[in-house]
């Protein structure tokens, strides 16, 4: 994970509508940047729906929510439509941001070692500096926890 107080790495990725989105597009706003393993899985769905439910409160506090996984733009589009997700979802199949934010790690699934995204959430301030890092995120609790930090 990256350190609190360091500059958040810039990225440009495609959103669910195939438009380029960069971190710098949100300069002047706080950003809740969360990395998750896969669309339409139980934990990821709970986390995304939690952010969707609380999204108006994030907006009231001047913050934007961005979710990133290595799923395709098409997968994100279906996921966002199915659960009416109002925030930005970015596709990172090349692992550009995933590796820059140090969330691509070895995982142990049923005794088998694989590489994958470790659920992690960053709070980035208006100047692009990392304000808070939460590793070992509990998917269902993360949206409420992040709102509390604002």
N, C-alpha and C. Protein backbone atom coordinates (compact mmCIF):
# COMPACT_ATOMS: atom_id res chain seq x y z
N UNK A 1 0.84 -1.19 0.00
CA UNK A 1 0.00 0.00 0.00
C UNK A 1 0.88 1.25 0.00
N UNK A 2 0.35 2.30 -0.53
CA UNK A 2 1.08 3.56 -0.57
C UNK A 2 0.93 4.26 0.78
N UNK A 3 1.87 5.15 1.05
CA UNK A 3 1.92 5.85 2.34
C UNK A 3 1.02 7.08 2.37
N UNK A 4 0.45 7.33 3.55
CA UNK A 4 -0.30 8.56 3.79
C UNK A 4 0.69 9.72 3.65
N UNK A 5 0.24 10.81 3.04
CA UNK A 5 1.09 11.99 2.87
C UNK A 5 1.82 12.01 1.54
N UNK A 6 1.74 10.92 0.75
CA UNK A 6 2.40 10.91 -0.55
C UNK A 6 1.42 11.30 -1.64
N UNK A 7 1.96 11.72 -2.77
CA UNK A 7 1.14 12.11 -3.92
C UNK A 7 0.50 10.85 -4.50
N UNK A 8 -0.80 10.92 -4.74
CA UNK A 8 -1.51 9.79 -5.34
C UNK A 8 -1.08 9.66 -6.80
N UNK A 9 -0.72 8.46 -7.24
CA UNK A 9 -0.31 8.29 -8.65
C UNK A 9 -1.43 8.66 -9.62
N UNK A 10 -1.07 9.38 -10.66
CA UNK A 10 -2.02 9.76 -11.71
C UNK A 10 -2.35 8.52 -12.54
N UNK A 11 -3.56 8.47 -13.07
CA UNK A 11 -3.95 7.40 -13.98
C UNK A 11 -4.99 7.94 -14.94
N UNK A 12 -5.10 7.30 -16.08
CA UNK A 12 -6.16 7.57 -17.05
C UNK A 12 -6.68 6.21 -17.49
N UNK A 13 -7.96 5.95 -17.18
CA UNK A 13 -8.58 4.66 -17.50
C UNK A 13 -9.95 4.91 -18.14
N UNK A 14 -10.54 3.85 -18.67
CA UNK A 14 -11.86 3.97 -19.29
C UNK A 14 -12.96 3.68 -18.28
N UNK A 15 -14.03 4.49 -18.36
CA UNK A 15 -15.17 4.26 -17.47
C UNK A 15 -16.17 3.32 -18.14
N UNK A 16 -17.30 3.11 -17.47
CA UNK A 16 -18.31 2.16 -17.96
C UNK A 16 -18.94 2.58 -19.29
N UNK A 17 -18.73 3.85 -19.70
CA UNK A 17 -19.24 4.33 -20.98
C UNK A 17 -18.13 4.49 -22.00
N UNK A 18 -16.95 3.91 -21.70
CA UNK A 18 -15.80 3.93 -22.59
C UNK A 18 -15.17 5.32 -22.75
N UNK A 19 -15.36 6.19 -21.73
CA UNK A 19 -14.76 7.52 -21.75
C UNK A 19 -13.53 7.52 -20.85
N UNK A 20 -12.52 8.27 -21.28
CA UNK A 20 -11.30 8.37 -20.46
C UNK A 20 -11.56 9.22 -19.22
N UNK A 21 -11.10 8.72 -18.09
CA UNK A 21 -11.21 9.44 -16.81
C UNK A 21 -9.83 9.40 -16.15
N UNK A 22 -9.39 10.57 -15.69
CA UNK A 22 -8.10 10.67 -15.01
C UNK A 22 -8.32 11.13 -13.57
N UNK A 23 -7.41 10.77 -12.70
CA UNK A 23 -7.50 11.24 -11.32
C UNK A 23 -7.48 12.77 -11.29
N UNK A 24 -6.67 13.38 -12.15
CA UNK A 24 -6.55 14.85 -12.17
C UNK A 24 -7.86 15.54 -12.54
N UNK A 25 -8.82 14.81 -13.13
CA UNK A 25 -10.14 15.38 -13.43
C UNK A 25 -10.86 15.82 -12.15
N UNK A 26 -10.43 15.27 -11.01
CA UNK A 26 -11.12 15.51 -9.74
C UNK A 26 -10.34 16.43 -8.81
N UNK A 27 -9.34 17.14 -9.37
CA UNK A 27 -8.56 18.09 -8.55
C UNK A 27 -9.53 19.10 -7.92
N UNK A 28 -9.34 19.39 -6.65
CA UNK A 28 -10.23 20.30 -5.95
C UNK A 28 -11.34 19.57 -5.20
N UNK A 29 -11.43 18.25 -5.39
CA UNK A 29 -12.41 17.42 -4.68
C UNK A 29 -11.66 16.33 -3.93
N UNK A 30 -12.26 15.87 -2.85
CA UNK A 30 -11.71 14.70 -2.18
C UNK A 30 -12.21 13.47 -2.96
N UNK A 31 -11.38 12.46 -3.03
CA UNK A 31 -11.72 11.26 -3.78
C UNK A 31 -11.60 10.03 -2.90
N UNK A 32 -12.66 9.24 -2.88
CA UNK A 32 -12.63 7.92 -2.24
C UNK A 32 -12.36 6.96 -3.39
N UNK A 33 -11.14 6.43 -3.43
CA UNK A 33 -10.70 5.55 -4.50
C UNK A 33 -10.63 4.14 -3.95
N UNK A 34 -11.52 3.28 -4.44
CA UNK A 34 -11.51 1.92 -3.91
C UNK A 34 -11.22 0.90 -5.00
N UNK A 35 -10.37 -0.05 -4.64
CA UNK A 35 -9.98 -1.13 -5.54
C UNK A 35 -10.68 -2.40 -5.08
N UNK A 36 -11.28 -3.11 -6.01
CA UNK A 36 -12.01 -4.32 -5.65
C UNK A 36 -11.71 -5.42 -6.67
N UNK A 37 -11.86 -6.69 -6.24
CA UNK A 37 -11.47 -7.80 -7.11
C UNK A 37 -12.33 -8.03 -8.35
N UNK A 38 -13.66 -8.05 -8.23
CA UNK A 38 -14.46 -8.48 -9.39
C UNK A 38 -15.92 -8.04 -9.30
N UNK A 39 -16.43 -7.56 -10.44
CA UNK A 39 -17.85 -7.21 -10.55
C UNK A 39 -18.73 -8.42 -10.25
N UNK A 40 -19.91 -8.16 -9.69
CA UNK A 40 -20.94 -9.17 -9.49
C UNK A 40 -20.55 -10.33 -8.57
N UNK A 41 -19.62 -10.11 -7.68
CA UNK A 41 -19.33 -11.12 -6.65
C UNK A 41 -19.94 -10.59 -5.35
N UNK A 42 -20.24 -11.47 -4.40
CA UNK A 42 -20.99 -11.02 -3.20
C UNK A 42 -20.36 -9.84 -2.46
N UNK A 43 -19.08 -9.91 -2.13
CA UNK A 43 -18.44 -8.83 -1.38
C UNK A 43 -18.37 -7.54 -2.18
N UNK A 44 -17.99 -7.65 -3.43
CA UNK A 44 -17.86 -6.46 -4.28
C UNK A 44 -19.21 -5.80 -4.52
N UNK A 45 -20.25 -6.61 -4.65
CA UNK A 45 -21.59 -6.08 -4.84
C UNK A 45 -22.06 -5.34 -3.58
N UNK A 46 -21.80 -5.94 -2.40
CA UNK A 46 -22.17 -5.27 -1.13
C UNK A 46 -21.47 -3.92 -1.02
N UNK A 47 -20.17 -3.92 -1.32
CA UNK A 47 -19.39 -2.68 -1.22
C UNK A 47 -19.92 -1.63 -2.19
N UNK A 48 -20.12 -2.01 -3.45
CA UNK A 48 -20.59 -1.06 -4.47
C UNK A 48 -21.99 -0.54 -4.13
N UNK A 49 -22.88 -1.42 -3.70
CA UNK A 49 -24.25 -0.98 -3.35
C UNK A 49 -24.23 -0.07 -2.13
N UNK A 50 -23.32 -0.31 -1.19
CA UNK A 50 -23.16 0.57 -0.03
C UNK A 50 -22.72 1.96 -0.46
N UNK A 51 -21.75 2.03 -1.37
CA UNK A 51 -21.31 3.33 -1.88
C UNK A 51 -22.45 4.01 -2.65
N UNK A 52 -23.22 3.22 -3.41
CA UNK A 52 -24.34 3.80 -4.18
C UNK A 52 -25.39 4.40 -3.25
N UNK A 53 -25.70 3.68 -2.18
CA UNK A 53 -26.71 4.14 -1.23
C UNK A 53 -26.28 5.44 -0.54
N UNK A 54 -25.00 5.53 -0.22
CA UNK A 54 -24.48 6.70 0.49
C UNK A 54 -23.94 7.79 -0.44
N UNK A 55 -23.97 7.54 -1.74
CA UNK A 55 -23.37 8.47 -2.69
C UNK A 55 -23.84 9.92 -2.54
N UNK A 56 -25.15 10.16 -2.34
CA UNK A 56 -25.57 11.57 -2.15
C UNK A 56 -24.85 12.24 -0.96
N UNK A 57 -24.56 11.48 0.08
CA UNK A 57 -23.86 12.04 1.25
C UNK A 57 -22.40 12.35 0.92
N UNK A 58 -21.78 11.50 0.09
CA UNK A 58 -20.41 11.78 -0.35
C UNK A 58 -20.40 13.07 -1.16
N UNK A 59 -21.38 13.22 -2.04
CA UNK A 59 -21.47 14.43 -2.87
C UNK A 59 -21.70 15.68 -2.02
N UNK A 60 -22.55 15.56 -0.99
CA UNK A 60 -22.80 16.70 -0.09
C UNK A 60 -21.51 17.16 0.57
N UNK A 61 -20.62 16.23 0.82
CA UNK A 61 -19.34 16.55 1.46
C UNK A 61 -18.26 16.89 0.44
N UNK A 62 -18.64 17.03 -0.82
CA UNK A 62 -17.69 17.43 -1.87
C UNK A 62 -16.73 16.34 -2.27
N UNK A 63 -17.12 15.09 -2.09
CA UNK A 63 -16.23 13.97 -2.43
C UNK A 63 -16.79 13.17 -3.59
N UNK A 64 -15.89 12.59 -4.35
CA UNK A 64 -16.26 11.70 -5.46
C UNK A 64 -15.84 10.28 -5.09
N UNK A 65 -16.61 9.30 -5.54
CA UNK A 65 -16.29 7.89 -5.32
C UNK A 65 -15.88 7.29 -6.66
N UNK A 66 -14.76 6.58 -6.66
CA UNK A 66 -14.28 5.90 -7.86
C UNK A 66 -13.93 4.46 -7.49
N UNK A 67 -14.50 3.53 -8.22
CA UNK A 67 -14.17 2.11 -8.03
C UNK A 67 -13.33 1.63 -9.20
N UNK A 68 -12.29 0.85 -8.91
CA UNK A 68 -11.42 0.31 -9.96
C UNK A 68 -11.26 -1.20 -9.77
N UNK A 69 -11.42 -1.93 -10.88
CA UNK A 69 -11.08 -3.35 -10.91
C UNK A 69 -10.52 -3.65 -12.29
N UNK A 70 -10.05 -4.88 -12.48
CA UNK A 70 -9.51 -5.23 -13.79
C UNK A 70 -10.58 -5.74 -14.75
N UNK A 71 -11.84 -5.69 -14.33
CA UNK A 71 -12.94 -6.09 -15.21
C UNK A 71 -13.02 -5.17 -16.43
N UNK A 72 -13.66 -5.67 -17.48
CA UNK A 72 -13.79 -4.91 -18.73
C UNK A 72 -14.80 -3.77 -18.59
N UNK A 73 -14.74 -2.86 -19.54
CA UNK A 73 -15.70 -1.75 -19.62
C UNK A 73 -17.12 -2.32 -19.72
N UNK A 74 -17.29 -3.36 -20.53
CA UNK A 74 -18.60 -4.01 -20.70
C UNK A 74 -19.11 -4.57 -19.38
N UNK A 75 -18.24 -5.26 -18.65
CA UNK A 75 -18.61 -5.83 -17.36
C UNK A 75 -19.04 -4.72 -16.40
N UNK A 76 -18.27 -3.63 -16.35
CA UNK A 76 -18.62 -2.49 -15.49
C UNK A 76 -19.97 -1.91 -15.87
N UNK A 77 -20.22 -1.79 -17.16
CA UNK A 77 -21.49 -1.24 -17.63
C UNK A 77 -22.67 -2.07 -17.14
N UNK A 78 -22.55 -3.38 -17.27
CA UNK A 78 -23.63 -4.29 -16.82
C UNK A 78 -23.78 -4.25 -15.30
N UNK A 79 -22.66 -4.22 -14.60
CA UNK A 79 -22.66 -4.18 -13.12
C UNK A 79 -23.33 -2.89 -12.64
N UNK A 80 -22.94 -1.76 -13.24
CA UNK A 80 -23.49 -0.45 -12.86
C UNK A 80 -24.99 -0.38 -13.16
N UNK A 81 -25.38 -0.93 -14.29
CA UNK A 81 -26.80 -0.90 -14.67
C UNK A 81 -27.63 -1.80 -13.75
N UNK A 82 -27.14 -2.99 -13.50
CA UNK A 82 -27.86 -3.96 -12.67
C UNK A 82 -28.13 -3.42 -11.26
N UNK A 83 -27.14 -2.71 -10.69
CA UNK A 83 -27.27 -2.23 -9.31
C UNK A 83 -27.44 -0.71 -9.22
N UNK A 84 -27.66 -0.04 -10.36
CA UNK A 84 -27.85 1.41 -10.42
C UNK A 84 -26.76 2.16 -9.65
N UNK A 85 -25.52 1.90 -10.05
CA UNK A 85 -24.37 2.53 -9.39
C UNK A 85 -24.13 3.90 -10.01
N UNK A 86 -24.26 4.98 -9.23
CA UNK A 86 -24.17 6.34 -9.78
C UNK A 86 -22.76 6.91 -9.86
N UNK A 87 -21.79 6.22 -9.31
CA UNK A 87 -20.42 6.75 -9.26
C UNK A 87 -19.57 6.16 -10.38
N UNK A 88 -18.34 6.63 -10.46
CA UNK A 88 -17.41 6.24 -11.52
C UNK A 88 -16.84 4.84 -11.25
N UNK A 89 -16.93 3.97 -12.27
CA UNK A 89 -16.26 2.67 -12.24
C UNK A 89 -15.24 2.68 -13.37
N UNK A 90 -14.01 2.32 -13.07
CA UNK A 90 -12.96 2.33 -14.09
C UNK A 90 -12.41 0.93 -14.32
N UNK A 91 -12.15 0.66 -15.58
CA UNK A 91 -11.62 -0.62 -16.02
C UNK A 91 -10.10 -0.53 -16.13
N UNK A 92 -9.41 -1.47 -15.49
CA UNK A 92 -7.94 -1.46 -15.48
C UNK A 92 -7.37 -2.84 -15.83
N UNK A 93 -7.69 -3.36 -17.04
CA UNK A 93 -7.22 -4.69 -17.41
C UNK A 93 -5.70 -4.79 -17.53
N UNK A 94 -5.04 -3.66 -17.79
CA UNK A 94 -3.57 -3.65 -17.91
C UNK A 94 -2.89 -3.44 -16.56
N UNK A 95 -3.69 -3.29 -15.51
CA UNK A 95 -3.19 -3.13 -14.13
C UNK A 95 -2.40 -1.84 -13.92
N UNK A 96 -2.65 -0.82 -14.71
CA UNK A 96 -1.93 0.46 -14.61
C UNK A 96 -2.08 1.07 -13.21
N UNK A 97 -3.31 1.35 -12.81
CA UNK A 97 -3.55 1.95 -11.49
C UNK A 97 -3.42 0.90 -10.39
N UNK A 98 -3.88 -0.30 -10.66
CA UNK A 98 -3.83 -1.38 -9.66
C UNK A 98 -2.40 -1.59 -9.16
N UNK A 99 -1.44 -1.61 -10.07
CA UNK A 99 -0.04 -1.77 -9.65
C UNK A 99 0.53 -0.48 -9.07
N UNK A 100 0.16 0.66 -9.65
CA UNK A 100 0.66 1.95 -9.13
C UNK A 100 0.24 2.16 -7.68
N UNK A 101 -0.94 1.66 -7.31
CA UNK A 101 -1.44 1.81 -5.94
C UNK A 101 -1.11 0.60 -5.07
N UNK A 102 -0.29 -0.30 -5.61
CA UNK A 102 0.25 -1.43 -4.85
C UNK A 102 -0.84 -2.32 -4.25
N UNK A 103 -1.86 -2.65 -5.06
CA UNK A 103 -2.93 -3.53 -4.58
C UNK A 103 -2.98 -4.87 -5.33
N UNK A 104 -2.00 -5.12 -6.21
CA UNK A 104 -1.90 -6.39 -6.93
C UNK A 104 -0.97 -7.28 -6.12
N UNK A 105 -1.54 -8.28 -5.47
CA UNK A 105 -0.78 -9.09 -4.51
C UNK A 105 -1.06 -10.57 -4.70
N UNK A 106 -0.19 -11.36 -4.11
CA UNK A 106 -0.42 -12.80 -4.09
C UNK A 106 -1.51 -13.08 -3.06
N UNK A 107 -2.48 -13.90 -3.46
CA UNK A 107 -3.58 -14.26 -2.57
C UNK A 107 -3.60 -15.78 -2.45
N UNK A 108 -4.17 -16.25 -1.37
CA UNK A 108 -4.27 -17.67 -1.14
C UNK A 108 -5.75 -18.06 -1.17
N UNK A 109 -6.17 -18.72 -2.23
CA UNK A 109 -7.57 -19.12 -2.36
C UNK A 109 -7.65 -20.64 -2.28
N UNK A 110 -8.23 -21.13 -1.21
CA UNK A 110 -8.41 -22.58 -1.01
C UNK A 110 -7.09 -23.33 -1.18
N UNK A 111 -6.03 -22.77 -0.61
CA UNK A 111 -4.72 -23.40 -0.65
C UNK A 111 -3.95 -23.17 -1.94
N UNK A 112 -4.55 -22.49 -2.90
CA UNK A 112 -3.89 -22.21 -4.18
C UNK A 112 -3.47 -20.75 -4.21
N UNK A 113 -2.21 -20.51 -4.54
CA UNK A 113 -1.71 -19.14 -4.61
C UNK A 113 -2.00 -18.55 -5.99
N UNK A 114 -2.62 -17.36 -6.00
CA UNK A 114 -2.93 -16.65 -7.24
C UNK A 114 -2.62 -15.17 -7.03
N UNK A 115 -2.49 -14.45 -8.12
CA UNK A 115 -2.33 -13.00 -8.04
C UNK A 115 -3.69 -12.36 -8.23
N UNK A 116 -3.95 -11.28 -7.48
CA UNK A 116 -5.22 -10.60 -7.62
C UNK A 116 -5.23 -9.28 -6.89
N UNK A 117 -6.34 -8.57 -7.03
CA UNK A 117 -6.52 -7.28 -6.37
C UNK A 117 -6.91 -7.52 -4.92
N UNK A 118 -6.17 -6.89 -4.03
CA UNK A 118 -6.51 -6.92 -2.61
C UNK A 118 -7.38 -5.70 -2.34
N UNK A 119 -8.57 -5.96 -1.81
CA UNK A 119 -9.54 -4.88 -1.56
C UNK A 119 -8.90 -3.80 -0.67
N UNK A 120 -8.77 -2.60 -1.22
CA UNK A 120 -8.09 -1.50 -0.54
C UNK A 120 -8.80 -0.19 -0.91
N UNK A 121 -8.89 0.72 0.05
CA UNK A 121 -9.52 2.02 -0.22
C UNK A 121 -8.59 3.16 0.20
N UNK A 122 -8.47 4.13 -0.69
CA UNK A 122 -7.66 5.32 -0.44
C UNK A 122 -8.58 6.54 -0.35
N UNK A 123 -8.26 7.44 0.57
CA UNK A 123 -8.90 8.75 0.60
C UNK A 123 -7.85 9.75 0.15
N UNK A 124 -8.17 10.47 -0.92
CA UNK A 124 -7.22 11.41 -1.53
C UNK A 124 -7.79 12.81 -1.36
N UNK A 125 -6.94 13.74 -0.89
CA UNK A 125 -7.45 15.10 -0.65
C UNK A 125 -7.52 15.93 -1.94
N UNK A 126 -7.96 17.17 -1.79
CA UNK A 126 -8.19 18.07 -2.93
C UNK A 126 -6.93 18.35 -3.75
N UNK A 127 -5.77 18.21 -3.12
CA UNK A 127 -4.50 18.46 -3.83
C UNK A 127 -3.88 17.19 -4.39
N UNK A 128 -4.59 16.06 -4.26
CA UNK A 128 -4.06 14.80 -4.80
C UNK A 128 -3.11 14.07 -3.87
N UNK A 129 -3.17 14.39 -2.58
CA UNK A 129 -2.31 13.74 -1.58
C UNK A 129 -3.13 12.66 -0.85
N UNK A 130 -2.52 11.51 -0.64
CA UNK A 130 -3.19 10.42 0.07
C UNK A 130 -3.35 10.80 1.54
N UNK A 131 -4.61 10.83 1.98
CA UNK A 131 -4.96 11.25 3.33
C UNK A 131 -5.16 10.04 4.27
N UNK A 132 -5.65 8.94 3.70
CA UNK A 132 -5.94 7.75 4.52
C UNK A 132 -5.88 6.53 3.60
N UNK A 133 -5.38 5.41 4.15
CA UNK A 133 -5.34 4.15 3.43
C UNK A 133 -5.98 3.09 4.31
N UNK A 134 -6.89 2.34 3.74
CA UNK A 134 -7.50 1.24 4.49
C UNK A 134 -7.27 -0.05 3.70
N UNK A 135 -6.48 -0.92 4.30
CA UNK A 135 -6.24 -2.24 3.72
C UNK A 135 -7.12 -3.25 4.44
N UNK A 136 -7.15 -4.46 3.95
CA UNK A 136 -7.99 -5.51 4.55
C UNK A 136 -9.41 -4.98 4.79
N UNK A 137 -9.95 -4.36 3.76
CA UNK A 137 -11.27 -3.72 3.83
C UNK A 137 -12.37 -4.76 4.04
N UNK A 138 -13.28 -4.43 4.94
CA UNK A 138 -14.51 -5.23 5.10
C UNK A 138 -15.53 -4.59 4.16
N UNK A 139 -15.87 -5.32 3.11
CA UNK A 139 -16.68 -4.78 2.01
C UNK A 139 -17.97 -4.10 2.47
N UNK A 140 -18.71 -4.74 3.35
CA UNK A 140 -20.01 -4.20 3.76
C UNK A 140 -19.88 -2.94 4.61
N UNK A 141 -18.77 -2.81 5.34
CA UNK A 141 -18.58 -1.67 6.26
C UNK A 141 -17.83 -0.50 5.64
N UNK A 142 -17.13 -0.74 4.54
CA UNK A 142 -16.25 0.27 3.95
C UNK A 142 -16.94 1.58 3.57
N UNK A 143 -18.09 1.56 2.90
CA UNK A 143 -18.72 2.84 2.52
C UNK A 143 -19.03 3.73 3.73
N UNK A 144 -19.61 3.15 4.76
CA UNK A 144 -19.94 3.91 5.98
C UNK A 144 -18.66 4.44 6.64
N UNK A 145 -17.64 3.59 6.69
CA UNK A 145 -16.36 3.96 7.29
C UNK A 145 -15.75 5.15 6.56
N UNK A 146 -15.78 5.12 5.21
CA UNK A 146 -15.19 6.20 4.42
C UNK A 146 -15.98 7.49 4.57
N UNK A 147 -17.30 7.39 4.62
CA UNK A 147 -18.13 8.57 4.83
C UNK A 147 -17.79 9.21 6.17
N UNK A 148 -17.57 8.39 7.17
CA UNK A 148 -17.20 8.88 8.50
C UNK A 148 -15.88 9.64 8.51
N UNK A 149 -14.98 9.29 7.60
CA UNK A 149 -13.68 9.96 7.54
C UNK A 149 -13.76 11.34 6.89
N UNK A 150 -14.84 11.60 6.17
CA UNK A 150 -14.98 12.90 5.52
C UNK A 150 -15.48 13.92 6.52
